[in-house]
Amino acid sequence: MIFAPLTLLLACSKKVSPAECETMLDRYLDLSMTPAQELSHLPPKQAESVIAEQKAERRASASYASTRARCEREVTRKELDCAMHAPTANDWEACLD
């Protein structure tokens, strides 16, 4: 019976994969992009283009690269699960503090 809690503990502390880090960071970008209502004056295709450009700029930043490297080194499965279910960017950030 001691194996089940130990297995659960190890699963929660296991580091996440690079692909999972990418998915988690994409979730943050989605949560932290310019709100749709601020782009509502634009045609839908143009608004999508603005958001795609913002995401590309963020992905190219040194901060993004640093966060991705940190994710691959330090983020646990529990933190990943929390971030993937966070309703806001602030909640997402709190998952990793």
N, C-alpha and C. Protein backbone atom coordinates (compact mmCIF):
# COMPACT_ATOMS: atom_id res chain seq x y z
N MET A 1 0.80 -1.19 0.00
CA MET A 1 0.00 0.00 0.00
C MET A 1 0.85 1.26 0.00
N ILE A 2 2.07 1.18 0.45
CA ILE A 2 2.93 2.36 0.48
C ILE A 2 3.35 2.78 -0.93
N PHE A 3 3.27 1.87 -1.89
CA PHE A 3 3.71 2.17 -3.25
C PHE A 3 2.81 3.17 -3.96
N ALA A 4 1.52 3.14 -3.72
CA ALA A 4 0.60 4.05 -4.40
C ALA A 4 0.91 5.51 -4.06
N PRO A 5 1.03 5.88 -2.77
CA PRO A 5 1.36 7.28 -2.47
C PRO A 5 2.75 7.67 -3.00
N LEU A 6 3.69 6.75 -2.93
CA LEU A 6 5.04 7.04 -3.42
C LEU A 6 5.02 7.24 -4.93
N THR A 7 4.28 6.40 -5.64
CA THR A 7 4.15 6.53 -7.09
C THR A 7 3.51 7.86 -7.45
N LEU A 8 2.47 8.23 -6.73
CA LEU A 8 1.79 9.50 -6.97
C LEU A 8 2.74 10.67 -6.70
N LEU A 9 3.50 10.60 -5.64
CA LEU A 9 4.46 11.66 -5.31
C LEU A 9 5.50 11.79 -6.41
N LEU A 10 6.03 10.67 -6.88
CA LEU A 10 7.04 10.72 -7.94
C LEU A 10 6.45 11.24 -9.24
N ALA A 11 5.23 10.88 -9.55
CA ALA A 11 4.58 11.36 -10.77
C ALA A 11 4.37 12.86 -10.71
N CYS A 12 4.04 13.39 -9.55
CA CYS A 12 3.81 14.83 -9.40
C CYS A 12 5.10 15.62 -9.47
N SER A 13 6.23 15.00 -9.11
CA SER A 13 7.48 15.74 -9.12
C SER A 13 8.28 15.50 -10.41
N LYS A 14 7.83 14.61 -11.26
CA LYS A 14 8.52 14.31 -12.51
C LYS A 14 8.55 15.55 -13.41
N LYS A 15 9.68 15.82 -14.00
CA LYS A 15 9.82 16.95 -14.91
C LYS A 15 8.99 16.72 -16.16
N VAL A 16 8.59 17.81 -16.77
CA VAL A 16 7.77 17.72 -17.97
C VAL A 16 8.65 17.72 -19.21
N SER A 17 8.09 17.27 -20.32
CA SER A 17 8.84 17.17 -21.57
C SER A 17 8.93 18.53 -22.26
N PRO A 18 9.87 18.69 -23.19
CA PRO A 18 9.94 19.93 -23.96
C PRO A 18 8.63 20.26 -24.68
N ALA A 19 7.96 19.25 -25.22
CA ALA A 19 6.68 19.49 -25.90
C ALA A 19 5.62 19.98 -24.92
N GLU A 20 5.62 19.43 -23.71
CA GLU A 20 4.66 19.88 -22.71
C GLU A 20 4.97 21.32 -22.28
N CYS A 21 6.24 21.66 -22.20
CA CYS A 21 6.63 23.04 -21.89
C CYS A 21 6.11 23.98 -22.97
N GLU A 22 6.26 23.59 -24.20
CA GLU A 22 5.79 24.42 -25.32
C GLU A 22 4.28 24.64 -25.22
N THR A 23 3.55 23.59 -24.94
CA THR A 23 2.10 23.68 -24.79
C THR A 23 1.73 24.59 -23.62
N MET A 24 2.45 24.44 -22.52
CA MET A 24 2.18 25.26 -21.34
C MET A 24 2.47 26.74 -21.63
N LEU A 25 3.56 27.00 -22.30
CA LEU A 25 3.91 28.39 -22.63
C LEU A 25 2.93 28.98 -23.64
N ASP A 26 2.47 28.17 -24.57
CA ASP A 26 1.44 28.64 -25.51
C ASP A 26 0.17 29.01 -24.76
N ARG A 27 -0.16 28.25 -23.75
CA ARG A 27 -1.34 28.56 -22.92
C ARG A 27 -1.17 29.93 -22.28
N TYR A 28 0.03 30.19 -21.77
CA TYR A 28 0.28 31.50 -21.16
C TYR A 28 0.15 32.62 -22.19
N LEU A 29 0.70 32.41 -23.36
CA LEU A 29 0.58 33.43 -24.41
C LEU A 29 -0.89 33.70 -24.72
N ASP A 30 -1.67 32.65 -24.82
CA ASP A 30 -3.10 32.81 -25.10
C ASP A 30 -3.79 33.62 -23.99
N LEU A 31 -3.41 33.34 -22.75
CA LEU A 31 -4.03 34.04 -21.63
C LEU A 31 -3.59 35.50 -21.51
N SER A 32 -2.41 35.80 -22.01
CA SER A 32 -1.85 37.13 -21.80
C SER A 32 -1.84 38.03 -23.05
N MET A 33 -2.44 37.56 -24.13
CA MET A 33 -2.50 38.36 -25.35
C MET A 33 -3.48 39.53 -25.20
N THR A 34 -3.39 40.45 -26.12
CA THR A 34 -4.31 41.58 -26.15
C THR A 34 -5.75 41.06 -26.12
N PRO A 35 -6.55 41.55 -25.20
CA PRO A 35 -7.94 41.07 -25.13
C PRO A 35 -8.67 41.28 -26.46
N ALA A 36 -9.50 40.32 -26.80
CA ALA A 36 -10.23 40.36 -28.07
C ALA A 36 -11.05 41.63 -28.23
N GLN A 37 -11.62 42.13 -27.12
CA GLN A 37 -12.44 43.33 -27.23
C GLN A 37 -11.61 44.54 -27.68
N GLU A 38 -10.32 44.56 -27.37
CA GLU A 38 -9.47 45.66 -27.81
C GLU A 38 -9.18 45.59 -29.31
N LEU A 39 -9.37 44.43 -29.89
CA LEU A 39 -9.14 44.25 -31.32
C LEU A 39 -10.45 44.18 -32.10
N SER A 40 -11.56 44.39 -31.42
CA SER A 40 -12.87 44.22 -32.05
C SER A 40 -13.12 45.20 -33.19
N HIS A 41 -12.36 46.29 -33.22
CA HIS A 41 -12.53 47.26 -34.30
C HIS A 41 -11.89 46.78 -35.60
N LEU A 42 -11.11 45.71 -35.51
CA LEU A 42 -10.43 45.17 -36.70
C LEU A 42 -11.26 44.05 -37.32
N PRO A 43 -11.10 43.84 -38.62
CA PRO A 43 -11.72 42.66 -39.23
C PRO A 43 -11.12 41.41 -38.57
N PRO A 44 -11.88 40.32 -38.47
CA PRO A 44 -11.40 39.11 -37.78
C PRO A 44 -10.03 38.61 -38.26
N LYS A 45 -9.82 38.58 -39.55
CA LYS A 45 -8.52 38.09 -40.07
C LYS A 45 -7.38 38.99 -39.62
N GLN A 46 -7.62 40.29 -39.59
CA GLN A 46 -6.59 41.23 -39.18
C GLN A 46 -6.31 41.09 -37.68
N ALA A 47 -7.36 40.89 -36.89
CA ALA A 47 -7.18 40.68 -35.45
C ALA A 47 -6.36 39.41 -35.19
N GLU A 48 -6.66 38.35 -35.92
CA GLU A 48 -5.90 37.11 -35.80
C GLU A 48 -4.43 37.34 -36.17
N SER A 49 -4.20 38.15 -37.18
CA SER A 49 -2.84 38.46 -37.61
C SER A 49 -2.08 39.23 -36.53
N VAL A 50 -2.76 40.18 -35.89
CA VAL A 50 -2.13 40.96 -34.81
C VAL A 50 -1.74 40.03 -33.67
N ILE A 51 -2.64 39.13 -33.29
CA ILE A 51 -2.35 38.19 -32.20
C ILE A 51 -1.21 37.26 -32.57
N ALA A 52 -1.21 36.75 -33.80
CA ALA A 52 -0.13 35.87 -34.25
C ALA A 52 1.21 36.60 -34.23
N GLU A 53 1.21 37.85 -34.62
CA GLU A 53 2.45 38.65 -34.61
C GLU A 53 2.94 38.86 -33.17
N GLN A 54 2.01 39.15 -32.26
CA GLN A 54 2.39 39.33 -30.86
C GLN A 54 2.99 38.05 -30.29
N LYS A 55 2.38 36.92 -30.61
CA LYS A 55 2.91 35.63 -30.13
C LYS A 55 4.30 35.37 -30.69
N ALA A 56 4.49 35.64 -31.97
CA ALA A 56 5.79 35.42 -32.60
C ALA A 56 6.86 36.29 -31.95
N GLU A 57 6.52 37.54 -31.66
CA GLU A 57 7.47 38.44 -31.00
C GLU A 57 7.83 37.92 -29.61
N ARG A 58 6.85 37.46 -28.87
CA ARG A 58 7.12 36.94 -27.53
C ARG A 58 7.96 35.67 -27.60
N ARG A 59 7.65 34.79 -28.54
CA ARG A 59 8.42 33.55 -28.67
C ARG A 59 9.88 33.83 -29.03
N ALA A 60 10.13 34.94 -29.72
CA ALA A 60 11.49 35.29 -30.14
C ALA A 60 12.28 36.00 -29.04
N SER A 61 11.63 36.34 -27.94
CA SER A 61 12.30 37.12 -26.89
C SER A 61 13.22 36.25 -26.03
N ALA A 62 14.19 36.92 -25.43
CA ALA A 62 15.10 36.23 -24.51
C ALA A 62 14.35 35.72 -23.29
N SER A 63 13.35 36.45 -22.85
CA SER A 63 12.55 36.05 -21.70
C SER A 63 11.84 34.72 -21.97
N TYR A 64 11.30 34.58 -23.16
CA TYR A 64 10.61 33.33 -23.53
C TYR A 64 11.60 32.17 -23.52
N ALA A 65 12.77 32.38 -24.12
CA ALA A 65 13.78 31.32 -24.16
C ALA A 65 14.21 30.92 -22.75
N SER A 66 14.38 31.90 -21.90
CA SER A 66 14.76 31.63 -20.52
C SER A 66 13.67 30.86 -19.78
N THR A 67 12.42 31.27 -19.99
CA THR A 67 11.31 30.59 -19.33
C THR A 67 11.17 29.16 -19.84
N ARG A 68 11.37 28.98 -21.13
CA ARG A 68 11.28 27.62 -21.70
C ARG A 68 12.38 26.73 -21.12
N ALA A 69 13.59 27.25 -21.03
CA ALA A 69 14.70 26.47 -20.46
C ALA A 69 14.41 26.13 -19.00
N ARG A 70 13.89 27.10 -18.26
CA ARG A 70 13.55 26.86 -16.85
C ARG A 70 12.47 25.79 -16.74
N CYS A 71 11.49 25.86 -17.63
CA CYS A 71 10.43 24.87 -17.63
C CYS A 71 11.00 23.47 -17.79
N GLU A 72 11.86 23.31 -18.77
CA GLU A 72 12.42 21.99 -19.06
C GLU A 72 13.29 21.48 -17.92
N ARG A 73 13.87 22.38 -17.14
CA ARG A 73 14.72 22.00 -16.02
C ARG A 73 13.94 21.77 -14.73
N GLU A 74 12.92 22.62 -14.48
CA GLU A 74 12.37 22.70 -13.14
C GLU A 74 10.88 22.40 -12.97
N VAL A 75 10.09 22.59 -13.98
CA VAL A 75 8.64 22.49 -13.80
C VAL A 75 8.22 21.04 -13.58
N THR A 76 7.37 20.86 -12.58
CA THR A 76 6.87 19.52 -12.25
C THR A 76 5.53 19.28 -12.95
N ARG A 77 5.12 18.05 -12.93
CA ARG A 77 3.82 17.69 -13.51
C ARG A 77 2.69 18.42 -12.79
N LYS A 78 2.80 18.56 -11.48
CA LYS A 78 1.78 19.26 -10.71
C LYS A 78 1.69 20.73 -11.15
N GLU A 79 2.82 21.38 -11.35
CA GLU A 79 2.83 22.77 -11.80
C GLU A 79 2.26 22.88 -13.22
N LEU A 80 2.62 21.93 -14.07
CA LEU A 80 2.09 21.91 -15.44
C LEU A 80 0.57 21.80 -15.42
N ASP A 81 0.05 20.86 -14.65
CA ASP A 81 -1.39 20.66 -14.57
C ASP A 81 -2.08 21.92 -14.06
N CYS A 82 -1.51 22.54 -13.08
CA CYS A 82 -2.06 23.77 -12.53
C CYS A 82 -2.09 24.85 -13.61
N ALA A 83 -0.97 25.06 -14.30
CA ALA A 83 -0.87 26.10 -15.33
C ALA A 83 -1.84 25.85 -16.48
N MET A 84 -2.01 24.60 -16.85
CA MET A 84 -2.89 24.28 -17.98
C MET A 84 -4.37 24.49 -17.63
N HIS A 85 -4.69 24.54 -16.35
CA HIS A 85 -6.08 24.76 -15.94
C HIS A 85 -6.30 26.16 -15.39
N ALA A 86 -5.27 26.98 -15.38
CA ALA A 86 -5.39 28.34 -14.85
C ALA A 86 -6.31 29.18 -15.74
N PRO A 87 -7.25 29.90 -15.13
CA PRO A 87 -8.18 30.70 -15.93
C PRO A 87 -7.62 32.05 -16.38
N THR A 88 -6.55 32.54 -15.71
CA THR A 88 -5.96 33.83 -16.08
C THR A 88 -4.44 33.72 -16.10
N ALA A 89 -3.80 34.71 -16.71
CA ALA A 89 -2.33 34.75 -16.74
C ALA A 89 -1.76 34.84 -15.33
N ASN A 90 -2.40 35.61 -14.45
CA ASN A 90 -1.93 35.71 -13.07
C ASN A 90 -2.01 34.38 -12.34
N ASP A 91 -3.09 33.66 -12.57
CA ASP A 91 -3.23 32.33 -11.97
C ASP A 91 -2.17 31.39 -12.52
N TRP A 92 -1.91 31.46 -13.82
CA TRP A 92 -0.88 30.65 -14.46
C TRP A 92 0.45 30.91 -13.79
N GLU A 93 0.80 32.18 -13.62
CA GLU A 93 2.07 32.54 -13.00
C GLU A 93 2.15 32.03 -11.56
N ALA A 94 1.05 32.07 -10.84
CA ALA A 94 1.03 31.60 -9.45
C ALA A 94 1.32 30.10 -9.38
N CYS A 95 0.97 29.37 -10.40
CA CYS A 95 1.24 27.93 -10.42
C CYS A 95 2.74 27.63 -10.39
N LEU A 96 3.53 28.55 -10.88
CA LEU A 96 4.97 28.30 -11.02
C LEU A 96 5.81 29.02 -9.97
N ASP A 97 5.17 29.71 -9.06
CA ASP A 97 5.92 30.41 -7.99
C ASP A 97 6.31 29.48 -6.89
